[in-house]
Amino acid sequence: MPIEYPAILKMENKGQKFSYTEKDTMLYALGIGMGDDPMDLKELRYVYERDLKAVPTLASVVAWGAGPGMMNINFVMVVDGERDITFHKPMPTSAEITADSRVLGVYDKGQGKGAVIQNETVLKDGKGEKLATLVSSIFARGDGGFGGPSDGQPEPHKTPTRAPDQSVDIATRPGQALLYRLSGDRNPLHSDPEFATAAGFPRPILHGMCTYGVSCRAVLQTYADYDPAAIKRHAARFSSPVFPGETITVDLWKDGNEVSFEARVKSRNVTVIKNGFSVLA
C-alpha cells in the first residue's frame, strides 16, 4: 500500500517506556569502535564500569524501536537519511526513560525515486525532564509517488570551503556491524549477505548510525577532550554506506562553538557523511 498522505502527518506515540543498563552503555561504545586500545585511558572511561561515561550518541539507541507507529512502507528498501540530536543534559549510564514520537514531515521524491520521512522523538528521564530530542530522516527508496510534497525539507548545514582544520582516521573492524547490531538495529542488511544482495549491495553494510557514532567520536577526541557534556548537538546526513573493515576519515572545521564535519572512505574515494555539524558547550 502507498503512504497515506496527509494522514501520516497525524501519527504520534507518547509515553513509550524503555530502560537500559551500564552494560548497554559500554556495548554501544564498543560498537562504534571505542576501546580498541586498552591503554587509551580516555576511551576506557566509555567501555569500563569504573567512572563510566556515556557517549552522547548513546541517545540514538537507548529507545530503539520508538516511533510514531507502523507505516505502510517497504522496509527492505529503507536506509537512514539524516540524524540530528540535541542533548539537553549528559546521557546517564543507566536509566528508565520514556519516549514521545511524532511525524514531522513526509516528502515525495517521485515514482521510483523514493520518499523521505522525518520523525521526532523526545527522550525523558524518570523525572519527566528532557534528555535528548532526536530528529531522524529515513529514505524509503521504494515508496515514492504517493502524491505528497517534494519541497519543504530543511536546508542542510553548509560545510566550510576552506581546507579542514583537522582530519582523523578511525578504522572499523570487519565484524563491527555484527557487534553494533546488538545495540538494537537487527536489520539483516547489516549481517546477512543474501539480504544485502537483495537490497542492492554487494555485501552487508555498516549501520549508518554506527558511522554517525564514529563521527561523534571524532568530535569528542578533537574538540571536546572526551567530555560528553561538551557536545550539545550532533547532526549528520548520510550520503553513502561504509563497508565493515574500512577506515573512515573525518574532516573537521571549527568556527566558534560549532564544528562542521564530513566523513569519507579514502580507499573508495567516496563521501559517507555530508553536512555534519556539532554544537559545543
Protein backbone atom coordinates (compact mmCIF):
# COMPACT_ATOMS: atom_id res chain seq x y z
CA MET A 1 0.00 0.00 0.00
CA PRO A 2 1.23 3.55 -0.71
CA ILE A 3 1.95 6.09 2.01
CA GLU A 4 -1.33 7.60 3.16
CA TYR A 5 -0.80 11.34 2.87
CA PRO A 6 -1.66 13.60 4.68
CA ALA A 7 -2.98 11.18 7.33
CA ILE A 8 0.60 10.11 8.13
CA LEU A 9 1.34 13.61 9.49
CA LYS A 10 -1.02 12.97 12.42
CA MET A 11 0.85 9.91 13.65
CA GLU A 12 2.24 10.13 17.20
CA ASN A 13 3.04 7.80 20.07
CA LYS A 14 3.62 9.17 23.57
CA GLY A 15 4.89 7.61 26.78
CA GLN A 16 6.82 4.69 25.26
CA LYS A 17 8.83 3.08 28.07
CA PHE A 18 12.42 1.85 27.83
CA SER A 19 15.29 1.06 30.14
CA TYR A 20 18.99 0.44 29.72
CA THR A 21 21.95 -0.52 31.89
CA GLU A 22 25.67 0.18 32.14
CA LYS A 23 26.20 -2.93 30.01
CA ASP A 24 24.21 -1.33 27.18
CA THR A 25 26.25 1.88 27.55
CA MET A 26 29.53 0.00 27.25
CA LEU A 27 28.23 -2.19 24.41
CA TYR A 28 27.30 0.89 22.38
CA ALA A 29 30.77 2.41 22.85
CA LEU A 30 32.38 -0.86 21.79
CA GLY A 31 30.03 -0.98 18.80
CA ILE A 32 31.33 2.35 17.47
CA GLY A 33 34.91 1.12 17.91
CA MET A 34 35.95 2.60 21.24
CA GLY A 35 38.26 0.59 23.48
CA ASP A 36 40.34 -0.99 20.70
CA ASP A 37 43.42 0.28 22.55
CA PRO A 38 43.00 -0.88 26.18
CA MET A 39 45.77 1.53 27.24
CA ASP A 40 43.87 4.58 25.97
CA LEU A 41 42.57 5.84 29.30
CA LYS A 42 40.32 8.49 27.74
CA GLU A 43 38.39 5.92 25.73
CA LEU A 44 38.50 3.41 28.57
CA ARG A 45 36.07 5.62 30.51
CA TYR A 46 33.39 4.72 27.95
CA VAL A 47 33.88 0.94 27.99
CA TYR A 48 34.83 0.20 31.62
CA GLU A 49 32.48 0.46 34.57
CA ARG A 50 34.88 2.43 36.78
CA ASP A 51 33.98 6.11 36.33
CA LEU A 52 31.86 5.14 33.33
CA LYS A 53 30.79 7.84 30.87
CA ALA A 54 28.17 7.64 28.11
CA VAL A 55 28.93 8.66 24.53
CA PRO A 56 26.36 11.40 23.74
CA THR A 57 25.05 9.50 20.71
CA LEU A 58 24.05 6.63 23.01
CA ALA A 59 20.76 8.54 22.84
CA SER A 60 20.29 7.13 19.33
CA VAL A 61 19.88 3.53 20.55
CA VAL A 62 18.51 3.52 24.12
CA ALA A 63 14.93 3.80 22.86
CA TRP A 64 15.42 1.58 19.84
CA GLY A 65 12.08 0.90 18.21
CA ALA A 66 10.46 4.11 19.44
CA GLY A 67 8.43 5.82 16.76
CA PRO A 68 5.08 7.32 15.85
CA GLY A 69 3.65 3.96 14.71
CA MET A 70 3.71 1.40 11.91
CA MET A 71 3.87 2.90 8.41
CA ASN A 72 2.96 1.43 5.02
CA ILE A 73 6.46 1.41 3.56
CA ASN A 74 8.81 -1.22 2.11
CA PHE A 75 11.29 -1.67 4.96
CA VAL A 76 13.61 -3.80 2.81
CA MET A 77 14.37 -0.63 0.84
CA VAL A 78 14.74 1.72 3.83
CA VAL A 79 18.07 3.35 4.75
CA ASP A 80 18.95 6.10 7.21
CA GLY A 81 18.99 9.57 5.67
CA GLU A 82 19.83 12.03 8.44
CA ARG A 83 20.06 12.27 12.20
CA ASP A 84 20.04 15.42 14.34
CA ILE A 85 20.19 15.02 18.12
CA THR A 86 20.02 17.86 20.64
CA PHE A 87 21.33 16.86 24.08
CA HIS A 88 19.53 18.64 26.92
CA LYS A 89 21.79 17.04 29.54
CA PRO A 90 24.51 14.34 29.55
CA MET A 91 23.11 10.86 28.98
CA PRO A 92 23.07 8.78 32.19
CA THR A 93 24.93 5.47 32.03
CA SER A 94 21.76 3.61 33.04
CA ALA A 95 18.16 4.77 33.30
CA GLU A 96 14.47 4.16 32.87
CA ILE A 97 13.20 6.55 30.22
CA THR A 98 10.15 7.45 28.17
CA ALA A 99 9.94 8.46 24.52
CA ASP A 100 7.38 10.68 22.79
CA SER A 101 7.41 10.34 18.99
CA ARG A 102 5.65 12.12 16.13
CA VAL A 103 5.91 12.58 12.37
CA LEU A 104 7.39 15.97 11.43
CA GLY A 105 7.18 15.77 7.65
CA VAL A 106 6.97 13.48 4.62
CA TYR A 107 8.42 14.37 1.22
CA ASP A 108 7.75 12.68 -2.10
CA LYS A 109 10.76 12.40 -4.43
CA GLY A 110 8.61 10.84 -7.16
CA GLN A 111 7.69 7.43 -8.55
CA GLY A 112 10.75 5.20 -8.48
CA LYS A 113 12.76 7.83 -6.58
CA GLY A 114 11.62 7.18 -3.02
CA ALA A 115 10.30 9.21 -0.12
CA VAL A 116 11.82 10.99 2.89
CA ILE A 117 10.07 10.60 6.25
CA GLN A 118 11.10 12.86 9.12
CA ASN A 119 10.25 11.90 12.71
CA GLU A 120 10.93 13.48 16.10
CA THR A 121 11.44 11.55 19.35
CA VAL A 122 11.90 13.26 22.73
CA LEU A 123 13.60 11.18 25.43
CA LYS A 124 12.77 11.95 29.06
CA ASP A 125 14.21 10.63 32.31
CA GLY A 126 12.28 9.25 35.27
CA LYS A 127 11.53 12.78 36.49
CA GLY A 128 9.99 13.73 33.15
CA GLU A 129 12.92 16.02 32.28
CA LYS A 130 14.20 16.05 28.71
CA LEU A 131 17.39 14.12 27.99
CA ALA A 132 17.56 14.44 24.22
CA THR A 133 15.49 15.37 21.19
CA LEU A 134 16.11 13.18 18.14
CA VAL A 135 15.09 14.22 14.65
CA SER A 136 15.53 11.39 12.18
CA SER A 137 15.03 11.20 8.43
CA ILE A 138 14.73 7.87 6.68
CA PHE A 139 14.92 7.35 2.95
CA ALA A 140 12.23 4.91 1.86
CA ARG A 141 13.67 4.03 -1.55
CA GLY A 142 10.64 2.05 -2.68
CA ASP A 143 7.83 4.41 -1.65
CA GLY A 144 7.86 7.49 -3.87
CA GLY A 145 4.94 8.68 -5.95
CA PHE A 146 2.26 8.86 -3.25
CA GLY A 147 1.26 12.44 -4.07
CA GLY A 148 2.94 14.30 -1.23
CA PRO A 149 5.02 17.50 -1.40
CA SER A 150 8.52 17.41 -2.84
CA ASP A 151 9.69 20.70 -1.33
CA GLY A 152 9.99 21.99 2.21
CA GLN A 153 12.79 19.92 3.69
CA PRO A 154 15.18 21.86 5.98
CA GLU A 155 18.25 23.22 4.23
CA PRO A 156 21.40 21.19 5.01
CA HIS A 157 24.22 22.70 7.03
CA LYS A 158 26.87 24.28 4.79
CA THR A 159 30.37 22.91 5.20
CA PRO A 160 33.18 25.50 5.01
CA THR A 161 35.02 25.68 1.69
CA ARG A 162 38.48 26.04 3.28
CA ALA A 163 40.74 23.08 3.96
CA PRO A 164 39.79 21.08 7.08
CA ASP A 165 41.24 22.31 10.36
CA GLN A 166 41.76 18.70 11.43
CA SER A 167 41.32 15.22 9.95
CA VAL A 168 41.22 11.97 11.88
CA ASP A 169 41.27 8.38 10.63
CA ILE A 170 39.09 5.90 12.51
CA ALA A 171 39.31 2.26 11.47
CA THR A 172 36.30 -0.06 11.57
CA ARG A 173 36.55 -3.80 12.12
CA PRO A 174 35.32 -6.41 9.60
CA GLY A 175 32.84 -7.69 12.18
CA GLN A 176 31.84 -4.32 13.61
CA ALA A 177 28.28 -4.35 12.24
CA LEU A 178 27.68 -7.68 13.98
CA LEU A 179 28.63 -6.06 17.29
CA TYR A 180 26.85 -2.76 16.71
CA ARG A 181 23.57 -4.53 15.86
CA LEU A 182 23.39 -5.78 19.47
CA SER A 183 22.52 -2.21 20.47
CA GLY A 184 19.15 -2.59 18.77
CA ASP A 185 19.22 -2.42 14.98
CA ARG A 186 18.88 -6.06 13.89
CA ASN A 187 18.18 -5.19 10.24
CA PRO A 188 19.69 -8.13 8.28
CA LEU A 189 21.02 -5.61 5.76
CA HIS A 190 23.98 -5.34 8.17
CA SER A 191 24.52 -9.05 8.83
CA ASP A 192 23.02 -11.27 6.12
CA PRO A 193 24.89 -11.40 2.77
CA GLU A 194 21.85 -12.71 0.87
CA PHE A 195 19.60 -9.98 2.26
CA ALA A 196 22.20 -7.30 1.46
CA THR A 197 22.40 -8.55 -2.14
CA ALA A 198 18.61 -8.45 -2.48
CA ALA A 199 18.68 -4.85 -1.24
CA GLY A 200 21.21 -3.88 -3.93
CA PHE A 201 24.50 -4.04 -2.01
CA PRO A 202 27.44 -6.38 -2.74
CA ARG A 203 27.73 -7.32 0.95
CA PRO A 204 26.38 -6.25 4.35
CA ILE A 205 26.95 -2.58 5.11
CA LEU A 206 27.80 -0.82 8.35
CA HIS A 207 24.84 0.82 10.06
CA GLY A 208 24.54 4.49 9.14
CA MET A 209 24.03 5.17 12.83
CA CYS A 210 27.32 3.44 13.59
CA THR A 211 29.04 5.84 11.20
CA TYR A 212 27.15 8.63 12.97
CA GLY A 213 28.59 7.44 16.29
CA VAL A 214 32.07 7.31 14.77
CA SER A 215 31.71 10.95 13.71
CA CYS A 216 30.78 11.82 17.30
CA ARG A 217 33.94 10.02 18.44
CA ALA A 218 35.91 12.27 16.11
CA VAL A 219 34.45 15.41 17.70
CA LEU A 220 34.94 14.02 21.21
CA GLN A 221 38.64 13.37 20.67
CA THR A 222 39.47 16.56 18.80
CA TYR A 223 37.42 19.42 20.23
CA ALA A 224 35.67 18.07 23.34
CA ASP A 225 38.61 16.49 25.22
CA TYR A 226 36.46 13.34 25.58
CA ASP A 227 33.95 15.21 27.76
CA PRO A 228 30.41 14.10 26.78
CA ALA A 229 28.88 17.21 28.39
CA ALA A 230 30.79 19.35 25.87
CA ILE A 231 28.58 18.26 22.95
CA LYS A 232 25.14 19.87 22.87
CA ARG A 233 24.04 18.85 19.38
CA HIS A 234 25.25 16.43 16.73
CA ALA A 235 23.78 16.21 13.23
CA ALA A 236 24.75 14.42 10.02
CA ARG A 237 23.43 13.49 6.58
CA PHE A 238 24.28 10.00 5.29
CA SER A 239 25.43 10.04 1.68
CA SER A 240 26.93 6.59 1.09
CA PRO A 241 27.38 3.36 3.07
CA VAL A 242 30.53 2.16 4.78
CA PHE A 243 31.54 -1.47 4.50
CA PRO A 244 32.81 -3.01 7.76
CA GLY A 245 36.59 -3.07 7.84
CA GLU A 246 37.03 0.24 6.03
CA THR A 247 38.76 3.25 7.56
CA ILE A 248 36.63 6.38 7.96
CA THR A 249 38.38 9.73 7.60
CA VAL A 250 36.56 12.54 9.38
CA ASP A 251 37.40 16.09 8.25
CA LEU A 252 36.55 18.81 10.78
CA TRP A 253 36.24 22.59 10.75
CA LYS A 254 35.81 24.63 13.96
CA ASP A 255 34.14 28.05 13.98
CA GLY A 256 33.39 29.33 17.46
CA ASN A 257 31.33 26.72 19.27
CA GLU A 258 30.29 24.97 16.06
CA VAL A 259 32.19 22.09 14.49
CA SER A 260 31.41 21.19 10.89
CA PHE A 261 32.44 17.78 9.62
CA GLU A 262 32.31 15.39 6.71
CA ALA A 263 33.41 11.75 6.60
CA ARG A 264 34.86 9.77 3.72
CA VAL A 265 36.40 6.43 2.83
CA LYS A 266 39.63 7.28 1.05
CA SER A 267 40.16 3.79 -0.33
CA ARG A 268 36.99 4.12 -2.46
CA ASN A 269 37.10 7.91 -2.86
CA VAL A 270 33.56 8.23 -1.52
CA THR A 271 32.00 10.64 0.98
CA VAL A 272 29.82 8.80 3.51
CA ILE A 273 28.63 11.73 5.66
CA LYS A 274 27.90 15.24 4.41
CA ASN A 275 26.74 18.50 6.02
CA GLY A 276 27.64 17.35 9.53
CA PHE A 277 27.83 19.69 12.47
CA SER A 278 28.20 19.64 16.25
CA VAL A 279 27.43 22.42 18.70
CA LEU A 280 29.77 22.64 21.69
CA ALA A 281 29.00 23.97 25.15
